[in-house]
Amino acid sequence: MNRRFSLLSLACLIGVSLYVSFSLAGAGQASGHRTWKLDPSTPILTGGAPGQFDARLEEADAYMSGSTYYVNYAAWDKEQGTVGSIGQASGPSLTSLTKRGQILKGTPGAWDSAYVSGPRTYYEAGRYYLYYFGSSTVAFEGIPSSLGVAIASSPAGPFKKYSGNPILSPGPAGTWDGKQLFRPFLVKSGATYYLFYNANGSLGGEQIGFATGPSPVGPFTRHKGNPSFFPKRAWEASRVGDPVIYKDGRTWVMYYYGANDSIGYWGVGCATSGDLVAWTECPDNPISFPKIGLGLIRPSLLPENNYGTMLLDGIPTSRLYVARR
């Protein structure tokens, strides 16, 4: 089953409210990770009209430069489109954004010729590193997919693809990440850069792993203990993915999305770590958000108010929401 939501999944939603009630029984507000509330002004972005490059809009990533907010997002030409690019919107606040068009597209004849997707941005020393996944296979999130990066000196671009792309490709056949790599996220600890990503392969579903390198562009070496984070509970039995990570004091905090395809449930959870290697799920996962459509998934964070602003994809697709704590 495709890792993304489709209208066919609606059939799985019969009786899902009973499952959600059971899974969220422990999802109280015992810690700061549980106190998220949706901004009443959301959704802040929606997909374009049929035929536009962003008819399907998802996987948003936000950052600030001065007093301006920038939101990069994955864009597809239709619901199960075959042309994927990355778009951008900007504005004085997350609830007052203007679309600016495409900022990254596939390169004809290259490894990412069919699509680019899943943007995540890392800033260091005056440079914006835009990480993404892509493929030359003409299909919605076609297999195989690898990871790349594009670099700019301005938050709005232009972004130039790194000449050494792809920075990470699927592992050998029969390995946990031997088919597809998704949604990269870079974090630095000491002098080491950790490139997190979710993938599928021999284990089925999706898990989260990482590779390390000496610079934002690598070269990256896979962690021998991958996958470092995998489904452990019923609500996330089918997959975990789209990690976003920050440091809170001495503790690393990761938010991610999980899904159980058999009963049509999608949600967001958190985990903590002291070393970016061993992760412990928050005991009251998943986070309880108000019922919006069929669910909220694929978290992204802004550092304002101690990472107290979260962007979320709505299901059905093409709606972007904001939660705060």
C-alpha atoms as a PDB file:
ATOM      1  CA  MET A   1       0.000   0.000   0.000  1.00  0.00           C
ATOM      2  CA  ASN A   2       1.249   3.465  -0.835  1.00  0.00           C
ATOM      3  CA  ARG A   3       2.527   5.265   2.233  1.00  0.00           C
ATOM      4  CA  ARG A   4       0.380   8.281   1.370  1.00  0.00           C
ATOM      5  CA  PHE A   5      -3.311   8.744   2.036  1.00  0.00           C
ATOM      6  CA  SER A   6      -5.657   8.089  -0.892  1.00  0.00           C
ATOM      7  CA  LEU A   7      -9.401   8.169  -1.226  1.00  0.00           C
ATOM      8  CA  LEU A   8      -9.386   4.364  -1.269  1.00  0.00           C
ATOM      9  CA  SER A   9      -8.383   4.513   2.377  1.00  0.00           C
ATOM     10  CA  LEU A  10     -11.808   5.843   3.279  1.00  0.00           C
ATOM     11  CA  ALA A  11     -13.082   2.289   3.429  1.00  0.00           C
ATOM     12  CA  CYS A  12     -10.772   1.619   6.357  1.00  0.00           C
ATOM     13  CA  LEU A  13     -12.341   4.391   8.393  1.00  0.00           C
ATOM     14  CA  ILE A  14     -15.491   2.512   9.278  1.00  0.00           C
ATOM     15  CA  GLY A  15     -15.276   2.033  12.996  1.00  0.00           C
ATOM     16  CA  VAL A  16     -12.039   4.023  13.305  1.00  0.00           C
ATOM     17  CA  SER A  17     -13.487   6.270  16.000  1.00  0.00           C
ATOM     18  CA  LEU A  18     -13.622   3.266  18.337  1.00  0.00           C
ATOM     19  CA  TYR A  19      -9.923   2.576  17.740  1.00  0.00           C
ATOM     20  CA  VAL A  20      -8.953   6.218  18.228  1.00  0.00           C
ATOM     21  CA  SER A  21     -10.865   6.396  21.486  1.00  0.00           C
ATOM     22  CA  PHE A  22      -8.961   3.331  22.710  1.00  0.00           C
ATOM     23  CA  SER A  23      -5.523   4.496  21.550  1.00  0.00           C
ATOM     24  CA  LEU A  24      -5.882   7.973  22.985  1.00  0.00           C
ATOM     25  CA  ALA A  25      -7.068   6.845  26.382  1.00  0.00           C
ATOM     26  CA  GLY A  26      -3.629   7.601  27.799  1.00  0.00           C
ATOM     27  CA  ALA A  27      -2.995  10.689  25.718  1.00  0.00           C
ATOM     28  CA  GLY A  28      -3.425  13.240  28.453  1.00  0.00           C
ATOM     29  CA  GLN A  29      -1.710  16.581  28.901  1.00  0.00           C
ATOM     30  CA  ALA A  30       0.894  15.411  31.387  1.00  0.00           C
ATOM     31  CA  SER A  31       3.878  17.054  29.689  1.00  0.00           C
ATOM     32  CA  GLY A  32       4.758  19.895  27.315  1.00  0.00           C
ATOM     33  CA  HIS A  33       4.576  17.440  24.447  1.00  0.00           C
ATOM     34  CA  ARG A  34       0.830  17.069  24.978  1.00  0.00           C
ATOM     35  CA  THR A  35      -0.310  20.682  25.110  1.00  0.00           C
ATOM     36  CA  TRP A  36      -0.673  21.463  21.398  1.00  0.00           C
ATOM     37  CA  LYS A  37      -3.671  23.481  20.261  1.00  0.00           C
ATOM     38  CA  LEU A  38      -4.703  24.242  16.701  1.00  0.00           C
ATOM     39  CA  ASP A  39      -4.488  27.844  15.519  1.00  0.00           C
ATOM     40  CA  PRO A  40      -8.084  28.948  14.773  1.00  0.00           C
ATOM     41  CA  SER A  41      -6.904  30.658  11.560  1.00  0.00           C
ATOM     42  CA  THR A  42      -5.879  27.378   9.915  1.00  0.00           C
ATOM     43  CA  PRO A  43      -5.654  25.894   7.320  1.00  0.00           C
ATOM     44  CA  ILE A  44      -2.932  28.335   6.282  1.00  0.00           C
ATOM     45  CA  LEU A  45      -2.368  26.894   2.793  1.00  0.00           C
ATOM     46  CA  THR A  46      -4.426  24.760   0.430  1.00  0.00           C
ATOM     47  CA  GLY A  47      -3.706  23.083  -2.873  1.00  0.00           C
ATOM     48  CA  GLY A  48      -4.018  24.862  -6.179  1.00  0.00           C
ATOM     49  CA  ALA A  49      -6.737  24.426  -8.773  1.00  0.00           C
ATOM     50  CA  PRO A  50      -6.781  21.215 -10.871  1.00  0.00           C
ATOM     51  CA  GLY A  51      -3.955  21.340 -13.399  1.00  0.00           C
ATOM     52  CA  GLN A  52      -1.747  23.680 -11.367  1.00  0.00           C
ATOM     53  CA  PHE A  53       1.675  22.469 -10.211  1.00  0.00           C
ATOM     54  CA  ASP A  54       0.465  22.259  -6.594  1.00  0.00           C
ATOM     55  CA  ALA A  55      -2.989  20.747  -7.055  1.00  0.00           C
ATOM     56  CA  ARG A  56      -1.830  18.389  -4.297  1.00  0.00           C
ATOM     57  CA  LEU A  57       0.076  20.158  -1.505  1.00  0.00           C
ATOM     58  CA  GLU A  58       1.730  18.435   1.477  1.00  0.00           C
ATOM     59  CA  GLU A  59       4.886  17.884   3.572  1.00  0.00           C
ATOM     60  CA  ALA A  60       5.458  21.520   4.529  1.00  0.00           C
ATOM     61  CA  ASP A  61       8.608  22.855   6.161  1.00  0.00           C
ATOM     62  CA  ALA A  62       8.855  26.361   7.644  1.00  0.00           C
ATOM     63  CA  TYR A  63      11.628  28.728   8.732  1.00  0.00           C
ATOM     64  CA  MET A  64      12.129  32.426   9.402  1.00  0.00           C
ATOM     65  CA  SER A  65      14.504  35.055   8.079  1.00  0.00           C
ATOM     66  CA  GLY A  66      14.168  38.417   9.796  1.00  0.00           C
ATOM     67  CA  SER A  67      10.448  39.052  10.160  1.00  0.00           C
ATOM     68  CA  THR A  68       9.412  36.876   7.207  1.00  0.00           C
ATOM     69  CA  TYR A  69       8.120  33.328   7.351  1.00  0.00           C
ATOM     70  CA  TYR A  70       8.949  30.910   4.552  1.00  0.00           C
ATOM     71  CA  VAL A  71       7.046  27.688   3.953  1.00  0.00           C
ATOM     72  CA  ASN A  72       8.382  25.135   1.470  1.00  0.00           C
ATOM     73  CA  TYR A  73       6.086  22.298   0.482  1.00  0.00           C
ATOM     74  CA  ALA A  74       5.831  19.237  -1.736  1.00  0.00           C
ATOM     75  CA  ALA A  75       3.634  19.862  -4.772  1.00  0.00           C
ATOM     76  CA  TRP A  76       2.056  17.412  -7.214  1.00  0.00           C
ATOM     77  CA  ASP A  77       0.109  18.114 -10.396  1.00  0.00           C
ATOM     78  CA  LYS A  78      -2.844  16.012  -9.197  1.00  0.00           C
ATOM     79  CA  GLU A  79      -3.943  13.748  -6.316  1.00  0.00           C
ATOM     80  CA  GLN A  80      -1.834  10.780  -7.444  1.00  0.00           C
ATOM     81  CA  GLY A  81       0.317  12.897  -9.730  1.00  0.00           C
ATOM     82  CA  THR A  82       3.469  11.966 -11.599  1.00  0.00           C
ATOM     83  CA  VAL A  83       5.025  15.440 -11.701  1.00  0.00           C
ATOM     84  CA  GLY A  84       6.394  16.440  -8.290  1.00  0.00           C
ATOM     85  CA  SER A  85       8.149  19.683  -7.406  1.00  0.00           C
ATOM     86  CA  ILE A  86       8.767  21.900  -4.383  1.00  0.00           C
ATOM     87  CA  GLY A  87       6.861  25.147  -3.963  1.00  0.00           C
ATOM     88  CA  GLN A  88       7.257  28.052  -1.577  1.00  0.00           C
ATOM     89  CA  ALA A  89       5.015  30.565   0.164  1.00  0.00           C
ATOM     90  CA  SER A  90       6.086  33.483   2.344  1.00  0.00           C
ATOM     91  CA  GLY A  91       4.589  36.242   4.447  1.00  0.00           C
ATOM     92  CA  PRO A  92       4.701  38.252   7.679  1.00  0.00           C
ATOM     93  CA  SER A  93       3.027  35.415   9.603  1.00  0.00           C
ATOM     94  CA  LEU A  94       2.063  31.791   9.088  1.00  0.00           C
ATOM     95  CA  THR A  95      -1.539  32.847   8.722  1.00  0.00           C
ATOM     96  CA  SER A  96      -0.761  35.460   6.052  1.00  0.00           C
ATOM     97  CA  LEU A  97       1.161  33.663   3.321  1.00  0.00           C
ATOM     98  CA  THR A  98       1.461  34.275  -0.415  1.00  0.00           C
ATOM     99  CA  LYS A  99       2.477  31.499  -2.781  1.00  0.00           C
ATOM    100  CA  ARG A 100       5.671  32.255  -4.717  1.00  0.00           C
ATOM    101  CA  GLY A 101       5.652  29.326  -7.137  1.00  0.00           C
ATOM    102  CA  GLN A 102       8.128  26.502  -7.677  1.00  0.00           C
ATOM    103  CA  ILE A 103      11.614  26.689  -6.166  1.00  0.00           C
ATOM    104  CA  LEU A 104      12.889  23.206  -7.108  1.00  0.00           C
ATOM    105  CA  LYS A 105      12.061  20.809  -9.932  1.00  0.00           C
ATOM    106  CA  GLY A 106      13.420  17.568 -11.311  1.00  0.00           C
ATOM    107  CA  THR A 107      16.457  17.781 -13.595  1.00  0.00           C
ATOM    108  CA  PRO A 108      15.882  16.194 -17.027  1.00  0.00           C
ATOM    109  CA  GLY A 109      17.987  13.075 -17.494  1.00  0.00           C
ATOM    110  CA  ALA A 110      19.134  13.017 -13.864  1.00  0.00           C
ATOM    111  CA  TRP A 111      18.410  10.725 -10.910  1.00  0.00           C
ATOM    112  CA  ASP A 112      15.596  13.101  -9.825  1.00  0.00           C
ATOM    113  CA  SER A 113      14.126  13.774 -13.271  1.00  0.00           C
ATOM    114  CA  ALA A 114      10.602  12.529 -12.443  1.00  0.00           C
ATOM    115  CA  TYR A 115       9.986  14.328  -9.154  1.00  0.00           C
ATOM    116  CA  VAL A 116      11.424  16.077  -6.095  1.00  0.00           C
ATOM    117  CA  SER A 117       9.503  16.037  -2.816  1.00  0.00           C
ATOM    118  CA  GLY A 118       9.583  16.096   0.999  1.00  0.00           C
ATOM    119  CA  PRO A 119      11.490  19.375   1.638  1.00  0.00           C
ATOM    120  CA  ARG A 120      13.382  20.025   4.887  1.00  0.00           C
ATOM    121  CA  THR A 121      15.610  23.070   5.389  1.00  0.00           C
ATOM    122  CA  TYR A 122      18.783  23.459   7.460  1.00  0.00           C
ATOM    123  CA  TYR A 123      20.575  26.789   7.956  1.00  0.00           C
ATOM    124  CA  GLU A 124      24.273  27.210   8.689  1.00  0.00           C
ATOM    125  CA  ALA A 125      26.891  29.916   8.026  1.00  0.00           C
ATOM    126  CA  GLY A 126      24.749  31.980   5.690  1.00  0.00           C
ATOM    127  CA  ARG A 127      23.547  29.023   3.628  1.00  0.00           C
ATOM    128  CA  TYR A 128      20.148  27.390   3.358  1.00  0.00           C
ATOM    129  CA  TYR A 129      20.320  23.661   2.676  1.00  0.00           C
ATOM    130  CA  LEU A 130      17.125  22.300   1.141  1.00  0.00           C
ATOM    131  CA  TYR A 131      17.001  18.506   1.565  1.00  0.00           C
ATOM    132  CA  TYR A 132      14.575  16.426  -0.480  1.00  0.00           C
ATOM    133  CA  PHE A 133      13.902  12.987  -1.933  1.00  0.00           C
ATOM    134  CA  GLY A 134      13.451  12.262  -5.608  1.00  0.00           C
ATOM    135  CA  SER A 135      13.478   9.691  -8.391  1.00  0.00           C
ATOM    136  CA  SER A 136      13.690   9.185 -12.137  1.00  0.00           C
ATOM    137  CA  THR A 137      10.719   6.788 -12.051  1.00  0.00           C
ATOM    138  CA  VAL A 138       7.615   8.449 -13.489  1.00  0.00           C
ATOM    139  CA  ALA A 139       4.981   7.623 -10.869  1.00  0.00           C
ATOM    140  CA  PHE A 140       3.648   9.111  -7.659  1.00  0.00           C
ATOM    141  CA  GLU A 141       6.647   8.717  -5.311  1.00  0.00           C
ATOM    142  CA  GLY A 142       8.129   6.275  -7.822  1.00  0.00           C
ATOM    143  CA  ILE A 143      10.572   3.564  -6.714  1.00  0.00           C
ATOM    144  CA  PRO A 144      13.498   3.785  -6.075  1.00  0.00           C
ATOM    145  CA  SER A 145      13.933   7.195  -4.433  1.00  0.00           C
ATOM    146  CA  SER A 146      17.125   8.788  -3.114  1.00  0.00           C
ATOM    147  CA  LEU A 147      18.048  11.865  -1.066  1.00  0.00           C
ATOM    148  CA  GLY A 148      19.484  15.109  -2.393  1.00  0.00           C
ATOM    149  CA  VAL A 149      20.195  18.667  -1.316  1.00  0.00           C
ATOM    150  CA  ALA A 150      20.060  22.103  -2.950  1.00  0.00           C
ATOM    151  CA  ILE A 151      21.793  25.180  -1.521  1.00  0.00           C
ATOM    152  CA  ALA A 152      21.024  28.906  -1.525  1.00  0.00           C
ATOM    153  CA  SER A 153      22.375  32.048   0.127  1.00  0.00           C
ATOM    154  CA  SER A 154      18.870  33.509   0.417  1.00  0.00           C
ATOM    155  CA  PRO A 155      15.832  31.967   2.136  1.00  0.00           C
ATOM    156  CA  ALA A 156      13.838  32.454  -1.055  1.00  0.00           C
ATOM    157  CA  GLY A 157      16.510  30.910  -3.284  1.00  0.00           C
ATOM    158  CA  PRO A 158      17.501  30.374  -5.987  1.00  0.00           C
ATOM    159  CA  PHE A 159      18.445  26.888  -4.818  1.00  0.00           C
ATOM    160  CA  LYS A 160      21.241  25.153  -6.697  1.00  0.00           C
ATOM    161  CA  LYS A 161      21.455  21.380  -6.529  1.00  0.00           C
ATOM    162  CA  TYR A 162      24.625  19.967  -4.984  1.00  0.00           C
ATOM    163  CA  SER A 163      26.910  18.472  -7.640  1.00  0.00           C
ATOM    164  CA  GLY A 164      27.468  15.366  -5.499  1.00  0.00           C
ATOM    165  CA  ASN A 165      23.766  14.387  -5.417  1.00  0.00           C
ATOM    166  CA  PRO A 166      22.310  12.019  -4.510  1.00  0.00           C
ATOM    167  CA  ILE A 167      23.793  12.251  -1.029  1.00  0.00           C
ATOM    168  CA  LEU A 168      22.189   8.942   0.009  1.00  0.00           C
ATOM    169  CA  SER A 169      20.639   6.187  -2.123  1.00  0.00           C
ATOM    170  CA  PRO A 170      18.708   3.012  -1.234  1.00  0.00           C
ATOM    171  CA  GLY A 171      20.698   0.240   0.392  1.00  0.00           C
ATOM    172  CA  PRO A 172      21.344  -3.147  -1.215  1.00  0.00           C
ATOM    173  CA  ALA A 173      18.419  -5.431  -2.035  1.00  0.00           C
ATOM    174  CA  GLY A 174      17.138  -7.156   1.076  1.00  0.00           C
ATOM    175  CA  THR A 175      18.047  -4.346   3.495  1.00  0.00           C
ATOM    176  CA  TRP A 176      15.610  -2.296   5.563  1.00  0.00           C
ATOM    177  CA  ASP A 177      16.046   0.751   3.280  1.00  0.00           C
ATOM    178  CA  GLY A 178      16.605  -1.086   0.024  1.00  0.00           C
ATOM    179  CA  LYS A 179      13.618   0.366  -1.889  1.00  0.00           C
ATOM    180  CA  GLN A 180      12.833   3.979  -1.028  1.00  0.00           C
ATOM    181  CA  LEU A 181      14.248   6.774   1.086  1.00  0.00           C
ATOM    182  CA  PHE A 182      11.892   9.553   2.241  1.00  0.00           C
ATOM    183  CA  ARG A 183      11.818  12.933   4.003  1.00  0.00           C
ATOM    184  CA  PRO A 184      15.394  13.739   5.133  1.00  0.00           C
ATOM    185  CA  PHE A 185      16.044  15.844   8.230  1.00  0.00           C
ATOM    186  CA  LEU A 186      19.496  17.160   9.222  1.00  0.00           C
ATOM    187  CA  VAL A 187      20.634  17.924  12.771  1.00  0.00           C
ATOM    188  CA  LYS A 188      24.111  18.668  14.124  1.00  0.00           C
ATOM    189  CA  SER A 189      25.594  17.408  17.395  1.00  0.00           C
ATOM    190  CA  GLY A 190      29.163  18.448  18.149  1.00  0.00           C
ATOM    191  CA  ALA A 191      31.092  18.198  14.892  1.00  0.00           C
ATOM    192  CA  THR A 192      28.844  15.461  13.459  1.00  0.00           C
ATOM    193  CA  TYR A 193      25.876  15.889  11.133  1.00  0.00           C
ATOM    194  CA  TYR A 194      23.038  13.378  11.463  1.00  0.00           C
ATOM    195  CA  LEU A 195      20.866  12.849   8.412  1.00  0.00           C
ATOM    196  CA  PHE A 196      17.619  11.218   9.512  1.00  0.00           C
ATOM    197  CA  TYR A 197      15.179   9.712   7.029  1.00  0.00           C
ATOM    198  CA  ASN A 198      12.387   7.171   6.798  1.00  0.00           C
ATOM    199  CA  ALA A 199      12.557   4.270   4.386  1.00  0.00           C
ATOM    200  CA  ASN A 200      11.037   1.010   3.265  1.00  0.00           C
ATOM    201  CA  GLY A 201      12.631  -2.220   2.196  1.00  0.00           C
ATOM    202  CA  SER A 202      12.926  -5.740   3.518  1.00  0.00           C
ATOM    203  CA  LEU A 203      11.020  -5.118   6.768  1.00  0.00           C
ATOM    204  CA  GLY A 204       7.863  -3.848   5.074  1.00  0.00           C
ATOM    205  CA  GLY A 205       6.118  -0.627   6.073  1.00  0.00           C
ATOM    206  CA  GLU A 206       8.465   2.206   7.036  1.00  0.00           C
ATOM    207  CA  GLN A 207      11.026   2.805   9.748  1.00  0.00           C
ATOM    208  CA  ILE A 208      13.386   5.673  10.666  1.00  0.00           C
ATOM    209  CA  GLY A 209      17.173   5.535  10.478  1.00  0.00           C
ATOM    210  CA  PHE A 210      20.083   7.888  10.045  1.00  0.00           C
ATOM    211  CA  ALA A 211      23.491   8.396   8.480  1.00  0.00           C
ATOM    212  CA  THR A 212      26.317  10.595   9.754  1.00  0.00           C
ATOM    213  CA  GLY A 213      28.815  12.844   8.035  1.00  0.00           C
ATOM    214  CA  PRO A 214      31.388  15.630   8.586  1.00  0.00           C
ATOM    215  CA  SER A 215      29.478  18.340   6.696  1.00  0.00           C
ATOM    216  CA  PRO A 216      25.912  19.242   5.652  1.00  0.00           C
ATOM    217  CA  VAL A 217      26.539  17.531   2.307  1.00  0.00           C
ATOM    218  CA  GLY A 218      28.326  14.477   3.723  1.00  0.00           C
ATOM    219  CA  PRO A 219      29.753  12.141   2.726  1.00  0.00           C
ATOM    220  CA  PHE A 220      27.227  10.193   4.795  1.00  0.00           C
ATOM    221  CA  THR A 221      27.714   6.759   6.345  1.00  0.00           C
ATOM    222  CA  ARG A 222      24.718   4.729   7.472  1.00  0.00           C
ATOM    223  CA  HIS A 223      24.410   3.889  11.155  1.00  0.00           C
ATOM    224  CA  LYS A 224      25.119   0.174  11.617  1.00  0.00           C
ATOM    225  CA  GLY A 225      22.200  -0.194  14.024  1.00  0.00           C
ATOM    226  CA  ASN A 226      19.534   1.040  11.586  1.00  0.00           C
ATOM    227  CA  PRO A 227      16.636   1.263  11.715  1.00  0.00           C
ATOM    228  CA  SER A 228      17.010   3.267  14.911  1.00  0.00           C
ATOM    229  CA  PHE A 229      13.277   3.852  15.376  1.00  0.00           C
ATOM    230  CA  PHE A 230      10.464   1.551  14.279  1.00  0.00           C
ATOM    231  CA  PRO A 231       6.779   0.908  15.038  1.00  0.00           C
ATOM    232  CA  LYS A 232       6.205  -0.378  18.548  1.00  0.00           C
ATOM    233  CA  ARG A 233       2.512   0.254  19.232  1.00  0.00           C
ATOM    234  CA  ALA A 234      -0.783  -0.537  17.552  1.00  0.00           C
ATOM    235  CA  TRP A 235      -1.541   3.020  16.406  1.00  0.00           C
ATOM    236  CA  GLU A 236       1.693   3.120  14.346  1.00  0.00           C
ATOM    237  CA  ALA A 237       1.870  -0.517  13.285  1.00  0.00           C
ATOM    238  CA  SER A 238       2.183   0.173   9.537  1.00  0.00           C
ATOM    239  CA  ARG A 239       4.826   2.888   9.515  1.00  0.00           C
ATOM    240  CA  VAL A 240       6.660   5.688  11.278  1.00  0.00           C
ATOM    241  CA  GLY A 241       8.225   8.537   9.339  1.00  0.00           C
ATOM    242  CA  ASP A 242       8.868  12.201   8.583  1.00  0.00           C
ATOM    243  CA  PRO A 243      11.010  12.833  11.703  1.00  0.00           C
ATOM    244  CA  VAL A 244      11.703  16.365  12.932  1.00  0.00           C
ATOM    245  CA  ILE A 245      14.183  16.793  15.803  1.00  0.00           C
ATOM    246  CA  TYR A 246      15.361  19.503  18.193  1.00  0.00           C
ATOM    247  CA  LYS A 247      17.277  19.706  21.471  1.00  0.00           C
ATOM    248  CA  ASP A 248      15.554  20.629  24.724  1.00  0.00           C
ATOM    249  CA  GLY A 249      18.270  21.087  27.350  1.00  0.00           C
ATOM    250  CA  ARG A 250      20.206  17.815  27.321  1.00  0.00           C
ATOM    251  CA  THR A 251      17.422  15.848  25.653  1.00  0.00           C
ATOM    252  CA  TRP A 252      16.760  15.393  21.960  1.00  0.00           C
ATOM    253  CA  VAL A 253      13.080  15.418  21.066  1.00  0.00           C
ATOM    254  CA  MET A 254      11.669  13.876  17.902  1.00  0.00           C
ATOM    255  CA  TYR A 255       8.189  14.282  16.502  1.00  0.00           C
ATOM    256  CA  TYR A 256       7.051  11.909  13.770  1.00  0.00           C
ATOM    257  CA  TYR A 257       3.942  10.537  12.176  1.00  0.00           C
ATOM    258  CA  GLY A 258       2.643   7.010  12.478  1.00  0.00           C
ATOM    259  CA  ALA A 259      -0.091   5.019  10.788  1.00  0.00           C
ATOM    260  CA  ASN A 260      -2.062   1.825  11.038  1.00  0.00           C
ATOM    261  CA  ASP A 261      -3.439   1.052   7.586  1.00  0.00           C
ATOM    262  CA  SER A 262      -5.608  -1.852   8.704  1.00  0.00           C
ATOM    263  CA  ILE A 263      -7.976   0.440  10.597  1.00  0.00           C
ATOM    264  CA  GLY A 264      -7.273   3.695   8.732  1.00  0.00           C
ATOM    265  CA  TYR A 265      -5.589   5.628  11.541  1.00  0.00           C
ATOM    266  CA  TRP A 266      -2.927   8.353  11.122  1.00  0.00           C
ATOM    267  CA  GLY A 267      -1.425  10.405  13.937  1.00  0.00           C
ATOM    268  CA  VAL A 268       1.596  12.150  15.452  1.00  0.00           C
ATOM    269  CA  GLY A 269       3.851  10.909  18.231  1.00  0.00           C
ATOM    270  CA  CYS A 270       7.022  11.980  20.008  1.00  0.00           C
ATOM    271  CA  ALA A 271      10.151  10.265  21.303  1.00  0.00           C
ATOM    272  CA  THR A 272      13.199  11.364  23.299  1.00  0.00           C
ATOM    273  CA  SER A 273      16.892  10.502  23.256  1.00  0.00           C
ATOM    274  CA  GLY A 274      20.098  11.419  25.030  1.00  0.00           C
ATOM    275  CA  ASP A 275      22.385  10.613  22.099  1.00  0.00           C
ATOM    276  CA  LEU A 276      20.316  10.675  18.845  1.00  0.00           C
ATOM    277  CA  VAL A 277      20.766   6.899  18.624  1.00  0.00           C
ATOM    278  CA  ALA A 278      18.531   5.222  21.233  1.00  0.00           C
ATOM    279  CA  TRP A 279      14.968   6.589  21.302  1.00  0.00           C
ATOM    280  CA  THR A 280      12.169   6.159  23.858  1.00  0.00           C
ATOM    281  CA  GLU A 281       8.580   6.830  22.862  1.00  0.00           C
ATOM    282  CA  CYS A 282       6.636   9.341  24.909  1.00  0.00           C
ATOM    283  CA  PRO A 283       4.409   7.197  27.157  1.00  0.00           C
ATOM    284  CA  ASP A 284       1.167   8.902  26.193  1.00  0.00           C
ATOM    285  CA  ASN A 285       1.524   8.723  22.394  1.00  0.00           C
ATOM    286  CA  PRO A 286      -0.187   9.549  20.096  1.00  0.00           C
ATOM    287  CA  ILE A 287      -0.763  13.274  20.562  1.00  0.00           C
ATOM    288  CA  SER A 288      -4.444  14.093  20.800  1.00  0.00           C
ATOM    289  CA  PHE A 289      -5.390  16.783  18.274  1.00  0.00           C
ATOM    290  CA  PRO A 290      -8.921  18.039  17.620  1.00  0.00           C
ATOM    291  CA  LYS A 291     -10.682  16.065  14.904  1.00  0.00           C
ATOM    292  CA  ILE A 292      -9.887  17.802  11.606  1.00  0.00           C
ATOM    293  CA  GLY A 293     -11.010  15.903   8.540  1.00  0.00           C
ATOM    294  CA  LEU A 294      -9.626  12.381   8.909  1.00  0.00           C
ATOM    295  CA  GLY A 295      -6.489  13.285  10.828  1.00  0.00           C
ATOM    296  CA  LEU A 296      -3.356  15.428  11.108  1.00  0.00           C
ATOM    297  CA  ILE A 297       0.079  14.026  10.210  1.00  0.00           C
ATOM    298  CA  ARG A 298       3.644  14.826   9.016  1.00  0.00           C
ATOM    299  CA  PRO A 299       4.804  17.321  11.661  1.00  0.00           C
ATOM    300  CA  SER A 300       7.276  20.140  11.083  1.00  0.00           C
ATOM    301  CA  LEU A 301       8.540  22.566  13.737  1.00  0.00           C
ATOM    302  CA  LEU A 302       9.562  26.206  14.003  1.00  0.00           C
ATOM    303  CA  PRO A 303      12.069  27.187  16.727  1.00  0.00           C
ATOM    304  CA  GLU A 304      10.014  30.115  18.020  1.00  0.00           C
ATOM    305  CA  ASN A 305       8.844  29.776  21.654  1.00  0.00           C
ATOM    306  CA  ASN A 306      11.159  26.782  22.234  1.00  0.00           C
ATOM    307  CA  TYR A 307       9.895  24.913  19.179  1.00  0.00           C
ATOM    308  CA  GLY A 308       6.336  25.681  20.135  1.00  0.00           C
ATOM    309  CA  THR A 309       4.924  25.991  16.604  1.00  0.00           C
ATOM    310  CA  MET A 310       4.052  22.879  14.591  1.00  0.00           C
ATOM    311  CA  LEU A 311       2.914  22.552  10.980  1.00  0.00           C
ATOM    312  CA  LEU A 312       0.751  19.554  10.081  1.00  0.00           C
ATOM    313  CA  ASP A 313      -0.727  18.030   6.945  1.00  0.00           C
ATOM    314  CA  GLY A 314      -4.443  17.467   6.987  1.00  0.00           C
ATOM    315  CA  ILE A 315      -6.115  14.347   5.616  1.00  0.00           C
ATOM    316  CA  PRO A 316      -7.491  14.493   2.959  1.00  0.00           C
ATOM    317  CA  THR A 317      -4.388  16.079   1.455  1.00  0.00           C
ATOM    318  CA  SER A 318      -3.767  19.661   0.318  1.00  0.00           C
ATOM    319  CA  ARG A 319      -4.549  21.382   3.607  1.00  0.00           C
ATOM    320  CA  LEU A 320      -1.810  22.731   5.909  1.00  0.00           C
ATOM    321  CA  TYR A 321      -2.537  23.434   9.579  1.00  0.00           C
ATOM    322  CA  VAL A 322      -0.676  25.101  12.459  1.00  0.00           C
ATOM    323  CA  ALA A 323      -0.670  24.017  16.115  1.00  0.00           C
ATOM    324  CA  ARG A 324       0.944  25.891  19.017  1.00  0.00           C
ATOM    325  CA  ARG A 325       1.759  25.252  22.650  1.00  0.00           C
END
